[in-house]
Amino acid sequence: MQDLLQKFENKRPEIVFEWKDPETEAVGWVVINSLRGGAAGGGTRMRLGL
């Protein structure tokens, strides 16, 4: 199981979108790890320095 977890953690995402707000210098990303299987999950993290 540990091998599978490490393989997942080391795999590059399929798509990464980067967003930058020129007025506030905020930066954000949308990361899609895989488009296979139809399952989805995610979260939102918003804080300075993350």
N, C-alpha and C. Protein backbone atom coordinates (compact mmCIF):
# COMPACT_ATOMS: atom_id res chain seq x y z
N MET A 1 0.82 -1.19 0.00
CA MET A 1 0.00 0.00 0.00
C MET A 1 0.86 1.26 0.00
N GLN A 2 1.95 1.22 0.77
CA GLN A 2 2.85 2.37 0.84
C GLN A 2 3.44 2.68 -0.53
N ASP A 3 3.74 1.63 -1.32
CA ASP A 3 4.27 1.83 -2.67
C ASP A 3 3.27 2.55 -3.56
N LEU A 4 1.99 2.16 -3.47
CA LEU A 4 0.95 2.81 -4.27
C LEU A 4 0.79 4.28 -3.88
N LEU A 5 0.83 4.57 -2.60
CA LEU A 5 0.71 5.95 -2.14
C LEU A 5 1.88 6.79 -2.65
N GLN A 6 3.07 6.26 -2.56
CA GLN A 6 4.25 7.00 -3.03
C GLN A 6 4.19 7.21 -4.55
N LYS A 7 3.72 6.22 -5.29
CA LYS A 7 3.57 6.36 -6.74
C LYS A 7 2.57 7.47 -7.06
N PHE A 8 1.45 7.53 -6.33
CA PHE A 8 0.45 8.57 -6.54
C PHE A 8 1.02 9.95 -6.21
N GLU A 9 1.73 10.06 -5.10
CA GLU A 9 2.28 11.35 -4.68
C GLU A 9 3.34 11.87 -5.65
N ASN A 10 4.05 10.99 -6.32
CA ASN A 10 5.11 11.39 -7.24
C ASN A 10 4.63 11.61 -8.67
N LYS A 11 3.37 11.27 -8.95
CA LYS A 11 2.83 11.42 -10.30
C LYS A 11 2.45 12.87 -10.56
N ARG A 12 2.84 13.38 -11.72
CA ARG A 12 2.50 14.76 -12.09
C ARG A 12 1.02 14.85 -12.46
N PRO A 13 0.37 15.97 -12.17
CA PRO A 13 -1.03 16.14 -12.55
C PRO A 13 -1.19 16.23 -14.07
N GLU A 14 -2.39 15.91 -14.56
CA GLU A 14 -2.65 15.99 -15.99
C GLU A 14 -2.80 17.43 -16.46
N ILE A 15 -3.46 18.27 -15.66
CA ILE A 15 -3.71 19.66 -16.06
C ILE A 15 -3.52 20.57 -14.85
N VAL A 16 -2.86 21.70 -15.07
CA VAL A 16 -2.70 22.72 -14.03
C VAL A 16 -3.05 24.07 -14.65
N PHE A 17 -4.03 24.76 -14.07
CA PHE A 17 -4.37 26.12 -14.47
C PHE A 17 -3.88 27.06 -13.38
N GLU A 18 -3.17 28.11 -13.76
CA GLU A 18 -2.71 29.11 -12.78
C GLU A 18 -3.43 30.42 -13.04
N TRP A 19 -3.86 31.06 -11.96
CA TRP A 19 -4.59 32.32 -12.03
C TRP A 19 -3.85 33.36 -11.20
N LYS A 20 -3.70 34.57 -11.77
CA LYS A 20 -3.05 35.67 -11.05
C LYS A 20 -3.93 36.90 -11.14
N ASP A 21 -4.18 37.54 -10.00
CA ASP A 21 -4.96 38.77 -9.94
C ASP A 21 -4.01 39.96 -9.90
N PRO A 22 -3.97 40.78 -10.95
CA PRO A 22 -3.03 41.89 -10.98
C PRO A 22 -3.31 42.98 -9.96
N GLU A 23 -4.55 43.07 -9.48
CA GLU A 23 -4.89 44.12 -8.52
C GLU A 23 -4.45 43.79 -7.09
N THR A 24 -4.54 42.52 -6.71
CA THR A 24 -4.23 42.14 -5.33
C THR A 24 -2.99 41.25 -5.22
N GLU A 25 -2.43 40.85 -6.33
CA GLU A 25 -1.30 39.93 -6.38
C GLU A 25 -1.65 38.53 -5.86
N ALA A 26 -2.95 38.23 -5.74
CA ALA A 26 -3.38 36.89 -5.35
C ALA A 26 -3.04 35.91 -6.47
N VAL A 27 -2.73 34.68 -6.09
CA VAL A 27 -2.41 33.63 -7.05
C VAL A 27 -3.23 32.40 -6.68
N GLY A 28 -3.73 31.69 -7.68
CA GLY A 28 -4.51 30.48 -7.42
C GLY A 28 -4.24 29.43 -8.48
N TRP A 29 -4.57 28.18 -8.16
CA TRP A 29 -4.37 27.07 -9.08
C TRP A 29 -5.59 26.16 -9.06
N VAL A 30 -5.90 25.60 -10.22
CA VAL A 30 -6.83 24.48 -10.34
C VAL A 30 -5.99 23.32 -10.86
N VAL A 31 -5.95 22.24 -10.10
CA VAL A 31 -5.12 21.09 -10.46
C VAL A 31 -6.01 19.88 -10.67
N ILE A 32 -5.87 19.25 -11.84
CA ILE A 32 -6.61 18.03 -12.15
C ILE A 32 -5.60 16.89 -12.22
N ASN A 33 -5.68 16.00 -11.25
CA ASN A 33 -4.73 14.89 -11.20
C ASN A 33 -5.00 13.84 -12.26
N SER A 34 -6.28 13.55 -12.51
CA SER A 34 -6.62 12.50 -13.46
C SER A 34 -8.03 12.74 -13.99
N LEU A 35 -8.23 12.43 -15.26
CA LEU A 35 -9.55 12.52 -15.88
C LEU A 35 -10.18 11.14 -16.05
N ARG A 36 -9.60 10.12 -15.46
CA ARG A 36 -10.09 8.75 -15.60
C ARG A 36 -11.07 8.39 -14.48
N GLY A 37 -12.02 7.53 -14.80
CA GLY A 37 -12.85 6.91 -13.77
C GLY A 37 -14.09 7.67 -13.36
N GLY A 38 -14.22 8.93 -13.67
CA GLY A 38 -15.42 9.68 -13.36
C GLY A 38 -15.56 10.14 -11.92
N ALA A 39 -14.69 9.73 -11.02
CA ALA A 39 -14.78 10.17 -9.63
C ALA A 39 -14.13 11.54 -9.48
N ALA A 40 -14.63 12.32 -8.55
CA ALA A 40 -14.07 13.66 -8.32
C ALA A 40 -13.97 13.93 -6.83
N GLY A 41 -13.02 14.72 -6.49
CA GLY A 41 -12.85 15.16 -5.11
C GLY A 41 -12.03 16.42 -5.12
N GLY A 42 -12.09 17.17 -4.06
CA GLY A 42 -11.29 18.39 -4.07
C GLY A 42 -11.47 19.18 -2.80
N GLY A 43 -10.88 20.34 -2.81
CA GLY A 43 -10.96 21.21 -1.65
C GLY A 43 -10.52 22.61 -2.02
N THR A 44 -10.70 23.50 -1.09
CA THR A 44 -10.30 24.89 -1.28
C THR A 44 -9.42 25.30 -0.12
N ARG A 45 -8.30 25.90 -0.44
CA ARG A 45 -7.42 26.43 0.59
C ARG A 45 -7.16 27.89 0.27
N MET A 46 -7.46 28.75 1.21
CA MET A 46 -7.26 30.18 0.99
C MET A 46 -6.61 30.78 2.23
N ARG A 47 -5.33 31.11 2.11
CA ARG A 47 -4.66 31.82 3.18
C ARG A 47 -3.35 32.37 2.64
N LEU A 48 -2.88 33.40 3.23
CA LEU A 48 -1.63 34.02 2.85
C LEU A 48 -0.48 33.06 3.10
N GLY A 49 0.36 32.88 2.11
CA GLY A 49 1.56 32.07 2.27
C GLY A 49 1.38 30.58 2.08
N LEU A 50 0.22 30.14 1.66
CA LEU A 50 -0.01 28.71 1.49
C LEU A 50 0.73 28.18 0.29
